[in-house]
Amino acid sequence: MTDAPIADESASFDVTASERVFEGAVWDITRDTVDYNGKDMVREYIDHTGAVAVFAEDEDGRVLVIQQYRHPVQLRDWELPAGLLDHEGEDHLTAAKRELAEEADVEADDWQHLVRYNTSSGGSNEFIEVFRATGVRATSSAFEREAEEADIVIRWVPRAELVAGILEGRLHNSALIVATLAVEAAERR
């Protein structure tokens, strides 16, 4: 038994076969056969590009949230401005700045890394990196949105309202939940 703080640790096993079983518009499904302790283990997972999200706060401590339709869960959920990494190796902060401008017509002066997490470690290799942004203001021009982004609703909400909505089960978006509770915990330290 150790007294060291708990931390995830890297582990990898030989992949003896790998195939893309579905190629999608946004991400793919991969099937790997892994030599796990001398036995074959087959796992399928969403092969994801990765994503970023932005926890933007104004000078009054309100948080920028957007509401948009999400087809897989059949909800118009409240979430943070967020989006996919556009290409392999894309700088995450650059992507976060782009997403904040594209989804909310907002830019920020001050940026800090908040948290990085995997969305579903048993079914996806997606990691989301969340940045905290302050010193916010409107961009000089509005971004032209389409598809499910065309009717985005933008609101500035007190953080306490978000915490209440999370704990009361009214808000479900994982990036919003993780980031809000991370900021809440950081403020209490």
N, C-alpha and C. Protein backbone atom coordinates (compact mmCIF):
# COMPACT_ATOMS: atom_id res chain seq x y z
N MET A 1 0.84 -1.18 0.00
CA MET A 1 0.00 0.00 0.00
C MET A 1 0.89 1.24 0.00
N THR A 2 0.48 2.25 -0.78
CA THR A 2 1.30 3.45 -0.88
C THR A 2 0.50 4.67 -0.42
N ASP A 3 1.21 5.66 0.03
CA ASP A 3 0.58 6.90 0.46
C ASP A 3 0.57 7.95 -0.63
N ALA A 4 1.08 7.61 -1.81
CA ALA A 4 1.11 8.57 -2.92
C ALA A 4 -0.32 8.88 -3.37
N PRO A 5 -0.55 10.10 -3.84
CA PRO A 5 -1.88 10.43 -4.35
C PRO A 5 -2.22 9.53 -5.55
N ILE A 6 -3.51 9.20 -5.67
CA ILE A 6 -3.90 8.35 -6.80
C ILE A 6 -3.76 9.13 -8.10
N ALA A 7 -3.42 8.42 -9.16
CA ALA A 7 -3.28 9.01 -10.49
C ALA A 7 -3.44 7.89 -11.51
N ASP A 8 -4.10 8.22 -12.62
CA ASP A 8 -4.16 7.26 -13.71
C ASP A 8 -2.74 6.97 -14.17
N GLU A 9 -2.51 5.75 -14.64
CA GLU A 9 -1.18 5.42 -15.14
C GLU A 9 -1.28 4.84 -16.53
N SER A 10 -0.31 5.19 -17.36
CA SER A 10 -0.27 4.69 -18.73
C SER A 10 -0.12 3.19 -18.72
N ALA A 11 -0.79 2.55 -19.64
CA ALA A 11 -0.66 1.10 -19.83
C ALA A 11 -1.01 0.81 -21.28
N SER A 12 -0.28 -0.08 -21.89
CA SER A 12 -0.62 -0.49 -23.24
C SER A 12 -0.27 -1.96 -23.42
N PHE A 13 -1.02 -2.60 -24.26
CA PHE A 13 -0.82 -4.01 -24.57
C PHE A 13 -0.75 -4.14 -26.08
N ASP A 14 -0.14 -5.21 -26.55
CA ASP A 14 0.03 -5.40 -27.99
C ASP A 14 -1.32 -5.51 -28.68
N VAL A 15 -1.51 -4.67 -29.70
CA VAL A 15 -2.69 -4.75 -30.55
C VAL A 15 -2.32 -5.69 -31.70
N THR A 16 -2.97 -6.86 -31.75
CA THR A 16 -2.62 -7.86 -32.75
C THR A 16 -3.43 -7.70 -34.03
N ALA A 17 -4.54 -6.96 -33.96
CA ALA A 17 -5.33 -6.66 -35.16
C ALA A 17 -6.13 -5.40 -34.87
N SER A 18 -6.29 -4.59 -35.92
CA SER A 18 -7.07 -3.36 -35.78
C SER A 18 -7.74 -3.08 -37.11
N GLU A 19 -9.03 -2.75 -37.05
CA GLU A 19 -9.73 -2.41 -38.28
C GLU A 19 -10.76 -1.32 -38.01
N ARG A 20 -10.95 -0.47 -39.00
CA ARG A 20 -12.00 0.54 -38.93
C ARG A 20 -13.28 -0.15 -39.41
N VAL A 21 -14.23 -0.33 -38.51
CA VAL A 21 -15.46 -1.03 -38.87
C VAL A 21 -16.56 -0.08 -39.30
N PHE A 22 -16.36 1.22 -39.03
CA PHE A 22 -17.31 2.22 -39.50
C PHE A 22 -16.58 3.53 -39.66
N GLU A 23 -16.74 4.16 -40.81
CA GLU A 23 -16.15 5.47 -41.06
C GLU A 23 -17.28 6.48 -41.10
N GLY A 24 -17.28 7.38 -40.15
CA GLY A 24 -18.37 8.33 -40.03
C GLY A 24 -18.02 9.72 -40.51
N ALA A 25 -19.03 10.58 -40.50
CA ALA A 25 -18.85 11.96 -40.92
C ALA A 25 -17.99 12.74 -39.92
N VAL A 26 -18.08 12.39 -38.64
CA VAL A 26 -17.34 13.12 -37.61
C VAL A 26 -16.27 12.26 -36.98
N TRP A 27 -16.57 11.00 -36.65
CA TRP A 27 -15.59 10.08 -36.08
C TRP A 27 -15.89 8.67 -36.53
N ASP A 28 -14.96 7.78 -36.24
CA ASP A 28 -15.02 6.41 -36.72
C ASP A 28 -15.19 5.44 -35.57
N ILE A 29 -15.51 4.19 -35.92
CA ILE A 29 -15.53 3.10 -34.94
C ILE A 29 -14.39 2.15 -35.31
N THR A 30 -13.55 1.86 -34.33
CA THR A 30 -12.41 0.97 -34.52
C THR A 30 -12.61 -0.29 -33.68
N ARG A 31 -12.18 -1.42 -34.24
CA ARG A 31 -12.20 -2.69 -33.51
C ARG A 31 -10.76 -3.16 -33.38
N ASP A 32 -10.30 -3.30 -32.15
CA ASP A 32 -8.94 -3.77 -31.88
C ASP A 32 -9.00 -5.13 -31.20
N THR A 33 -8.07 -5.99 -31.59
CA THR A 33 -7.82 -7.23 -30.86
C THR A 33 -6.53 -7.00 -30.10
N VAL A 34 -6.60 -7.20 -28.79
CA VAL A 34 -5.49 -6.89 -27.90
C VAL A 34 -5.04 -8.17 -27.21
N ASP A 35 -3.72 -8.36 -27.17
CA ASP A 35 -3.16 -9.46 -26.38
C ASP A 35 -3.12 -8.98 -24.94
N TYR A 36 -4.13 -9.36 -24.18
CA TYR A 36 -4.25 -8.90 -22.80
C TYR A 36 -3.89 -10.06 -21.87
N ASN A 37 -2.69 -10.01 -21.34
CA ASN A 37 -2.19 -11.05 -20.44
C ASN A 37 -2.26 -12.44 -21.07
N GLY A 38 -1.88 -12.51 -22.36
CA GLY A 38 -1.81 -13.80 -23.05
C GLY A 38 -3.10 -14.27 -23.68
N LYS A 39 -4.17 -13.50 -23.59
CA LYS A 39 -5.46 -13.87 -24.20
C LYS A 39 -5.94 -12.74 -25.09
N ASP A 40 -6.60 -13.14 -26.19
CA ASP A 40 -7.17 -12.13 -27.08
C ASP A 40 -8.39 -11.48 -26.44
N MET A 41 -8.43 -10.16 -26.55
CA MET A 41 -9.56 -9.38 -26.07
C MET A 41 -9.95 -8.43 -27.20
N VAL A 42 -11.21 -8.44 -27.60
CA VAL A 42 -11.68 -7.58 -28.68
C VAL A 42 -12.47 -6.43 -28.08
N ARG A 43 -12.13 -5.20 -28.52
CA ARG A 43 -12.81 -4.01 -28.04
C ARG A 43 -13.10 -3.08 -29.22
N GLU A 44 -14.30 -2.56 -29.25
CA GLU A 44 -14.69 -1.56 -30.24
C GLU A 44 -14.87 -0.24 -29.51
N TYR A 45 -14.47 0.84 -30.18
CA TYR A 45 -14.56 2.15 -29.54
C TYR A 45 -14.68 3.25 -30.59
N ILE A 46 -15.19 4.37 -30.14
CA ILE A 46 -15.24 5.55 -30.99
C ILE A 46 -13.83 6.11 -31.07
N ASP A 47 -13.33 6.22 -32.28
CA ASP A 47 -12.01 6.79 -32.53
C ASP A 47 -12.23 8.28 -32.78
N HIS A 48 -11.95 9.08 -31.79
CA HIS A 48 -12.35 10.48 -31.75
C HIS A 48 -11.16 11.42 -31.95
N THR A 49 -11.41 12.55 -32.56
CA THR A 49 -10.35 13.52 -32.83
C THR A 49 -9.91 14.28 -31.58
N GLY A 50 -10.76 14.29 -30.56
CA GLY A 50 -10.50 15.10 -29.38
C GLY A 50 -11.27 16.40 -29.49
N ALA A 51 -11.42 17.09 -28.37
CA ALA A 51 -12.22 18.31 -28.36
C ALA A 51 -11.72 19.26 -27.28
N VAL A 52 -12.22 20.48 -27.37
CA VAL A 52 -11.93 21.51 -26.38
C VAL A 52 -13.24 22.15 -25.95
N ALA A 53 -13.23 22.76 -24.77
CA ALA A 53 -14.39 23.51 -24.28
C ALA A 53 -13.87 24.73 -23.53
N VAL A 54 -14.75 25.73 -23.40
CA VAL A 54 -14.34 26.99 -22.78
C VAL A 54 -15.31 27.36 -21.66
N PHE A 55 -14.77 27.52 -20.46
CA PHE A 55 -15.51 28.02 -19.30
C PHE A 55 -15.19 29.51 -19.24
N ALA A 56 -16.02 30.33 -19.90
CA ALA A 56 -15.79 31.78 -19.98
C ALA A 56 -16.61 32.49 -18.93
N GLU A 57 -15.96 33.40 -18.22
CA GLU A 57 -16.62 34.15 -17.15
C GLU A 57 -16.49 35.65 -17.42
N ASP A 58 -17.59 36.38 -17.16
CA ASP A 58 -17.53 37.83 -17.30
C ASP A 58 -17.10 38.47 -15.99
N GLU A 59 -17.02 39.79 -15.97
CA GLU A 59 -16.53 40.51 -14.79
C GLU A 59 -17.47 40.37 -13.59
N ASP A 60 -18.72 39.94 -13.82
CA ASP A 60 -19.67 39.71 -12.73
C ASP A 60 -19.69 38.26 -12.25
N GLY A 61 -18.78 37.43 -12.78
CA GLY A 61 -18.71 36.03 -12.36
C GLY A 61 -19.75 35.14 -13.01
N ARG A 62 -20.41 35.65 -14.05
CA ARG A 62 -21.37 34.81 -14.77
C ARG A 62 -20.63 33.98 -15.81
N VAL A 63 -21.19 32.81 -16.10
CA VAL A 63 -20.56 31.86 -17.03
C VAL A 63 -21.35 31.86 -18.34
N LEU A 64 -20.62 31.85 -19.43
CA LEU A 64 -21.24 31.79 -20.76
C LEU A 64 -21.64 30.36 -21.07
N VAL A 65 -22.92 30.14 -21.31
CA VAL A 65 -23.40 28.83 -21.73
C VAL A 65 -24.20 28.99 -23.01
N ILE A 66 -24.23 27.93 -23.79
CA ILE A 66 -25.02 27.94 -25.01
C ILE A 66 -25.98 26.75 -24.98
N GLN A 67 -27.10 26.92 -25.63
CA GLN A 67 -28.05 25.82 -25.74
C GLN A 67 -28.11 25.44 -27.22
N GLN A 68 -27.93 24.15 -27.49
CA GLN A 68 -28.04 23.70 -28.86
C GLN A 68 -28.56 22.27 -28.90
N TYR A 69 -29.14 21.92 -30.02
CA TYR A 69 -29.72 20.59 -30.19
C TYR A 69 -28.61 19.56 -30.33
N ARG A 70 -28.76 18.47 -29.59
CA ARG A 70 -27.83 17.33 -29.66
C ARG A 70 -28.64 16.09 -29.99
N HIS A 71 -28.51 15.65 -31.22
CA HIS A 71 -29.36 14.56 -31.71
C HIS A 71 -29.22 13.24 -30.94
N PRO A 72 -28.01 12.76 -30.63
CA PRO A 72 -27.93 11.45 -29.97
C PRO A 72 -28.71 11.35 -28.67
N VAL A 73 -28.80 12.46 -27.93
CA VAL A 73 -29.51 12.43 -26.65
C VAL A 73 -30.88 13.09 -26.72
N GLN A 74 -31.23 13.57 -27.91
CA GLN A 74 -32.55 14.20 -28.14
C GLN A 74 -32.83 15.32 -27.14
N LEU A 75 -31.85 16.20 -26.98
CA LEU A 75 -31.98 17.32 -26.06
C LEU A 75 -31.46 18.60 -26.72
N ARG A 76 -32.03 19.71 -26.32
CA ARG A 76 -31.40 21.01 -26.53
C ARG A 76 -30.73 21.29 -25.19
N ASP A 77 -29.50 20.86 -25.07
CA ASP A 77 -28.85 20.96 -23.77
C ASP A 77 -28.06 22.25 -23.62
N TRP A 78 -27.86 22.64 -22.37
CA TRP A 78 -27.00 23.77 -22.05
C TRP A 78 -25.59 23.23 -21.90
N GLU A 79 -24.66 23.89 -22.54
CA GLU A 79 -23.28 23.43 -22.53
C GLU A 79 -22.34 24.61 -22.66
N LEU A 80 -21.07 24.34 -22.53
CA LEU A 80 -20.05 25.34 -22.76
C LEU A 80 -19.76 25.44 -24.25
N PRO A 81 -19.31 26.59 -24.74
CA PRO A 81 -18.81 26.62 -26.11
C PRO A 81 -17.71 25.57 -26.24
N ALA A 82 -17.82 24.74 -27.26
CA ALA A 82 -16.89 23.62 -27.39
C ALA A 82 -16.86 23.15 -28.84
N GLY A 83 -15.86 22.36 -29.16
CA GLY A 83 -15.80 21.81 -30.49
C GLY A 83 -14.65 20.85 -30.68
N LEU A 84 -14.68 20.20 -31.82
CA LEU A 84 -13.67 19.22 -32.17
C LEU A 84 -12.35 19.89 -32.55
N LEU A 85 -11.28 19.17 -32.35
CA LEU A 85 -10.01 19.59 -32.92
C LEU A 85 -10.13 19.39 -34.42
N ASP A 86 -9.79 20.40 -35.20
CA ASP A 86 -10.01 20.34 -36.64
C ASP A 86 -9.01 19.46 -37.39
N HIS A 87 -7.82 19.31 -36.83
CA HIS A 87 -6.82 18.47 -37.49
C HIS A 87 -5.86 17.91 -36.45
N GLU A 88 -5.25 16.80 -36.79
CA GLU A 88 -4.33 16.14 -35.87
C GLU A 88 -3.20 17.08 -35.48
N GLY A 89 -2.94 17.16 -34.20
CA GLY A 89 -1.86 18.01 -33.72
C GLY A 89 -2.25 19.46 -33.53
N GLU A 90 -3.53 19.80 -33.73
CA GLU A 90 -3.96 21.19 -33.57
C GLU A 90 -3.73 21.64 -32.13
N ASP A 91 -3.21 22.83 -31.97
CA ASP A 91 -3.00 23.41 -30.64
C ASP A 91 -4.36 23.57 -29.96
N HIS A 92 -4.47 23.04 -28.75
CA HIS A 92 -5.77 23.03 -28.06
C HIS A 92 -6.24 24.43 -27.68
N LEU A 93 -5.34 25.29 -27.26
CA LEU A 93 -5.74 26.65 -26.91
C LEU A 93 -6.23 27.41 -28.14
N THR A 94 -5.56 27.24 -29.26
CA THR A 94 -5.99 27.86 -30.51
C THR A 94 -7.40 27.39 -30.87
N ALA A 95 -7.64 26.10 -30.72
CA ALA A 95 -8.97 25.54 -31.01
C ALA A 95 -10.02 26.11 -30.06
N ALA A 96 -9.68 26.25 -28.78
CA ALA A 96 -10.62 26.80 -27.81
C ALA A 96 -10.98 28.24 -28.16
N LYS A 97 -10.01 29.03 -28.52
CA LYS A 97 -10.27 30.42 -28.92
C LYS A 97 -11.18 30.47 -30.14
N ARG A 98 -10.93 29.60 -31.10
CA ARG A 98 -11.76 29.53 -32.30
C ARG A 98 -13.20 29.18 -31.94
N GLU A 99 -13.39 28.16 -31.10
CA GLU A 99 -14.74 27.71 -30.74
C GLU A 99 -15.51 28.79 -29.98
N LEU A 100 -14.85 29.50 -29.08
CA LEU A 100 -15.52 30.57 -28.35
C LEU A 100 -16.01 31.64 -29.32
N ALA A 101 -15.19 32.00 -30.28
CA ALA A 101 -15.58 33.01 -31.27
C ALA A 101 -16.68 32.49 -32.19
N GLU A 102 -16.55 31.25 -32.67
CA GLU A 102 -17.52 30.71 -33.62
C GLU A 102 -18.89 30.46 -32.99
N GLU A 103 -18.91 29.98 -31.76
CA GLU A 103 -20.19 29.59 -31.16
C GLU A 103 -20.86 30.70 -30.37
N ALA A 104 -20.09 31.70 -29.92
CA ALA A 104 -20.69 32.71 -29.05
C ALA A 104 -20.32 34.15 -29.43
N ASP A 105 -19.50 34.32 -30.47
CA ASP A 105 -19.06 35.66 -30.89
C ASP A 105 -18.39 36.40 -29.74
N VAL A 106 -17.53 35.69 -29.01
CA VAL A 106 -16.83 36.23 -27.85
C VAL A 106 -15.35 35.88 -27.96
N GLU A 107 -14.51 36.79 -27.46
CA GLU A 107 -13.08 36.53 -27.34
C GLU A 107 -12.65 36.90 -25.93
N ALA A 108 -11.48 36.45 -25.53
CA ALA A 108 -11.02 36.67 -24.16
C ALA A 108 -9.54 37.03 -24.14
N ASP A 109 -9.17 37.79 -23.11
CA ASP A 109 -7.77 38.19 -22.95
C ASP A 109 -6.96 37.17 -22.17
N ASP A 110 -7.57 36.56 -21.16
CA ASP A 110 -6.83 35.69 -20.25
C ASP A 110 -7.34 34.25 -20.34
N TRP A 111 -6.40 33.33 -20.49
CA TRP A 111 -6.73 31.91 -20.66
C TRP A 111 -5.89 31.08 -19.72
N GLN A 112 -6.51 30.08 -19.12
CA GLN A 112 -5.74 29.12 -18.34
C GLN A 112 -6.36 27.72 -18.51
N HIS A 113 -5.48 26.74 -18.46
CA HIS A 113 -5.95 25.35 -18.53
C HIS A 113 -6.75 25.08 -17.27
N LEU A 114 -7.92 24.45 -17.41
CA LEU A 114 -8.74 24.12 -16.25
C LEU A 114 -8.68 22.63 -15.93
N VAL A 115 -9.05 21.79 -16.90
CA VAL A 115 -9.12 20.35 -16.65
C VAL A 115 -9.12 19.62 -17.99
N ARG A 116 -8.63 18.39 -17.97
CA ARG A 116 -8.66 17.51 -19.15
C ARG A 116 -9.23 16.19 -18.68
N TYR A 117 -10.20 15.65 -19.42
CA TYR A 117 -10.82 14.39 -18.99
C TYR A 117 -11.25 13.58 -20.20
N ASN A 118 -11.37 12.26 -19.98
CA ASN A 118 -11.88 11.40 -21.05
C ASN A 118 -13.38 11.21 -20.82
N THR A 119 -14.13 11.23 -21.92
CA THR A 119 -15.58 11.27 -21.80
C THR A 119 -16.20 9.92 -21.48
N SER A 120 -15.60 8.86 -21.96
CA SER A 120 -16.14 7.52 -21.73
C SER A 120 -15.03 6.51 -21.96
N SER A 121 -14.21 6.29 -20.95
CA SER A 121 -12.98 5.51 -21.13
C SER A 121 -13.22 4.08 -21.60
N GLY A 122 -14.40 3.56 -21.41
CA GLY A 122 -14.69 2.21 -21.88
C GLY A 122 -15.20 2.14 -23.31
N GLY A 123 -15.51 3.31 -23.91
CA GLY A 123 -16.09 3.27 -25.25
C GLY A 123 -15.58 4.30 -26.22
N SER A 124 -14.66 5.16 -25.80
CA SER A 124 -14.17 6.21 -26.68
C SER A 124 -12.77 6.63 -26.24
N ASN A 125 -11.96 7.04 -27.21
CA ASN A 125 -10.65 7.57 -26.87
C ASN A 125 -10.67 9.10 -26.83
N GLU A 126 -11.87 9.68 -26.75
CA GLU A 126 -12.01 11.13 -26.70
C GLU A 126 -11.55 11.71 -25.37
N PHE A 127 -10.74 12.75 -25.46
CA PHE A 127 -10.39 13.59 -24.33
C PHE A 127 -10.87 14.99 -24.65
N ILE A 128 -11.41 15.67 -23.65
CA ILE A 128 -11.79 17.07 -23.79
C ILE A 128 -10.89 17.88 -22.87
N GLU A 129 -10.29 18.92 -23.42
CA GLU A 129 -9.50 19.84 -22.61
C GLU A 129 -10.32 21.11 -22.44
N VAL A 130 -10.52 21.50 -21.18
CA VAL A 130 -11.33 22.67 -20.88
C VAL A 130 -10.41 23.80 -20.43
N PHE A 131 -10.65 24.98 -20.99
CA PHE A 131 -9.91 26.18 -20.63
C PHE A 131 -10.84 27.16 -19.92
N ARG A 132 -10.29 27.90 -18.99
CA ARG A 132 -11.03 28.96 -18.30
C ARG A 132 -10.60 30.28 -18.93
N ALA A 133 -11.58 31.07 -19.35
CA ALA A 133 -11.30 32.33 -20.04
C ALA A 133 -11.94 33.49 -19.28
N THR A 134 -11.18 34.56 -19.11
CA THR A 134 -11.69 35.78 -18.48
C THR A 134 -11.23 36.97 -19.32
N GLY A 135 -11.72 38.15 -18.95
CA GLY A 135 -11.43 39.33 -19.77
C GLY A 135 -12.15 39.21 -21.10
N VAL A 136 -13.42 38.85 -21.04
CA VAL A 136 -14.19 38.55 -22.26
C VAL A 136 -14.86 39.80 -22.83
N ARG A 137 -15.08 39.76 -24.13
CA ARG A 137 -15.77 40.83 -24.86
C ARG A 137 -16.29 40.26 -26.16
N ALA A 138 -17.21 40.97 -26.77
CA ALA A 138 -17.76 40.55 -28.06
C ALA A 138 -16.69 40.67 -29.14
N THR A 139 -16.74 39.75 -30.10
CA THR A 139 -15.87 39.85 -31.27
C THR A 139 -16.34 41.01 -32.14
N SER A 140 -15.50 41.44 -33.06
CA SER A 140 -15.85 42.57 -33.93
C SER A 140 -16.93 42.23 -34.94
N SER A 141 -17.09 40.93 -35.24
CA SER A 141 -18.15 40.52 -36.17
C SER A 141 -18.73 39.18 -35.71
N ALA A 142 -19.94 38.92 -36.16
CA ALA A 142 -20.63 37.68 -35.80
C ALA A 142 -20.25 36.58 -36.78
N PHE A 143 -20.16 35.37 -36.26
CA PHE A 143 -19.84 34.20 -37.07
C PHE A 143 -21.13 33.68 -37.70
N GLU A 144 -21.09 33.27 -38.94
CA GLU A 144 -22.27 32.72 -39.60
C GLU A 144 -22.36 31.22 -39.29
N ARG A 145 -23.40 30.85 -38.56
CA ARG A 145 -23.56 29.46 -38.10
C ARG A 145 -24.53 28.71 -39.00
N GLU A 146 -24.37 27.36 -38.99
CA GLU A 146 -25.28 26.52 -39.78
C GLU A 146 -25.59 25.24 -39.01
N ALA A 147 -26.49 24.44 -39.56
CA ALA A 147 -26.93 23.17 -38.96
C ALA A 147 -27.39 23.40 -37.53
N GLU A 148 -26.98 22.52 -36.58
CA GLU A 148 -27.46 22.65 -35.20
C GLU A 148 -26.89 23.88 -34.50
N GLU A 149 -25.91 24.53 -35.10
CA GLU A 149 -25.36 25.75 -34.50
C GLU A 149 -26.14 27.00 -34.92
N ALA A 150 -26.99 26.87 -35.94
CA ALA A 150 -27.70 28.03 -36.48
C ALA A 150 -28.65 28.66 -35.47
N ASP A 151 -29.21 27.86 -34.58
CA ASP A 151 -30.17 28.41 -33.61
C ASP A 151 -29.67 28.31 -32.17
N ILE A 152 -28.37 28.43 -32.00
CA ILE A 152 -27.77 28.44 -30.66
C ILE A 152 -28.38 29.59 -29.85
N VAL A 153 -28.68 29.30 -28.59
CA VAL A 153 -29.11 30.31 -27.63
C VAL A 153 -27.93 30.56 -26.70
N ILE A 154 -27.62 31.83 -26.46
CA ILE A 154 -26.49 32.21 -25.61
C ILE A 154 -27.01 32.88 -24.35
N ARG A 155 -26.47 32.45 -23.19
CA ARG A 155 -26.85 33.08 -21.91
C ARG A 155 -25.63 33.19 -21.02
N TRP A 156 -25.64 34.21 -20.19
CA TRP A 156 -24.65 34.38 -19.12
C TRP A 156 -25.36 34.04 -17.83
N VAL A 157 -24.86 33.02 -17.12
CA VAL A 157 -25.55 32.46 -15.96
C VAL A 157 -24.63 32.49 -14.74
N PRO A 158 -25.14 32.89 -13.58
CA PRO A 158 -24.31 32.81 -12.37
C PRO A 158 -23.85 31.36 -12.13
N ARG A 159 -22.60 31.23 -11.71
CA ARG A 159 -22.07 29.88 -11.47
C ARG A 159 -22.91 29.11 -10.46
N ALA A 160 -23.42 29.78 -9.45
CA ALA A 160 -24.25 29.11 -8.44
C ALA A 160 -25.49 28.48 -9.07
N GLU A 161 -26.04 29.13 -10.08
CA GLU A 161 -27.20 28.56 -10.77
C GLU A 161 -26.81 27.28 -11.53
N LEU A 162 -25.62 27.29 -12.10
CA LEU A 162 -25.14 26.08 -12.79
C LEU A 162 -24.93 24.94 -11.79
N VAL A 163 -24.29 25.24 -10.67
CA VAL A 163 -24.06 24.20 -9.65
C VAL A 163 -25.40 23.63 -9.21
N ALA A 164 -26.37 24.48 -8.94
CA ALA A 164 -27.70 24.01 -8.52
C ALA A 164 -28.33 23.14 -9.61
N GLY A 165 -28.24 23.57 -10.85
CA GLY A 165 -28.82 22.80 -11.96
C GLY A 165 -28.17 21.43 -12.12
N ILE A 166 -26.86 21.37 -11.87
CA ILE A 166 -26.14 20.09 -11.95
C ILE A 166 -26.60 19.17 -10.82
N LEU A 167 -26.58 19.68 -9.61
CA LEU A 167 -26.91 18.85 -8.45
C LEU A 167 -28.38 18.46 -8.40
N GLU A 168 -29.25 19.26 -9.02
CA GLU A 168 -30.67 18.95 -9.07
C GLU A 168 -31.03 18.11 -10.30
N GLY A 169 -30.05 17.78 -11.13
CA GLY A 169 -30.30 16.90 -12.27
C GLY A 169 -30.95 17.59 -13.47
N ARG A 170 -30.86 18.91 -13.56
CA ARG A 170 -31.45 19.63 -14.69
C ARG A 170 -30.47 19.86 -15.82
N LEU A 171 -29.19 19.75 -15.53
CA LEU A 171 -28.15 19.96 -16.53
C LEU A 171 -27.35 18.67 -16.67
N HIS A 172 -27.06 18.26 -17.92
CA HIS A 172 -26.49 16.94 -18.14
C HIS A 172 -25.22 16.91 -18.97
N ASN A 173 -24.84 18.00 -19.58
CA ASN A 173 -23.68 18.01 -20.47
C ASN A 173 -22.40 17.79 -19.66
N SER A 174 -21.60 16.81 -20.08
CA SER A 174 -20.43 16.41 -19.28
C SER A 174 -19.40 17.52 -19.15
N ALA A 175 -19.10 18.25 -20.21
CA ALA A 175 -18.10 19.31 -20.12
C ALA A 175 -18.57 20.42 -19.18
N LEU A 176 -19.85 20.75 -19.25
CA LEU A 176 -20.40 21.77 -18.35
C LEU A 176 -20.30 21.31 -16.90
N ILE A 177 -20.65 20.06 -16.65
CA ILE A 177 -20.61 19.53 -15.29
C ILE A 177 -19.17 19.49 -14.76
N VAL A 178 -18.27 18.89 -15.52
CA VAL A 178 -16.89 18.75 -15.07
C VAL A 178 -16.25 20.12 -14.84
N ALA A 179 -16.42 21.03 -15.78
CA ALA A 179 -15.78 22.35 -15.65
C ALA A 179 -16.36 23.15 -14.50
N THR A 180 -17.68 23.15 -14.37
CA THR A 180 -18.32 23.93 -13.30
C THR A 180 -17.88 23.43 -11.94
N LEU A 181 -17.90 22.12 -11.76
CA LEU A 181 -17.52 21.56 -10.46
C LEU A 181 -16.02 21.70 -10.21
N ALA A 182 -15.21 21.70 -11.28
CA ALA A 182 -13.76 21.92 -11.12
C ALA A 182 -13.49 23.35 -10.67
N VAL A 183 -14.17 24.31 -11.27
CA VAL A 183 -14.00 25.70 -10.85
C VAL A 183 -14.48 25.89 -9.43
N GLU A 184 -15.62 25.30 -9.11
CA GLU A 184 -16.16 25.39 -7.76
C GLU A 184 -15.16 24.81 -6.74
N ALA A 185 -14.59 23.66 -7.05
CA ALA A 185 -13.60 23.05 -6.14
C ALA A 185 -12.34 23.90 -6.05
N ALA A 186 -11.88 24.44 -7.17
CA ALA A 186 -10.67 25.26 -7.17
C ALA A 186 -10.87 26.51 -6.33
N GLU A 187 -12.04 27.10 -6.39
CA GLU A 187 -12.33 28.31 -5.62
C GLU A 187 -12.37 28.02 -4.13
N ARG A 188 -12.70 26.79 -3.75
CA ARG A 188 -12.80 26.43 -2.33
C ARG A 188 -11.45 26.03 -1.73
N ARG A 189 -10.45 25.78 -2.57
CA ARG A 189 -9.14 25.34 -2.07
C ARG A 189 -8.43 26.42 -1.32
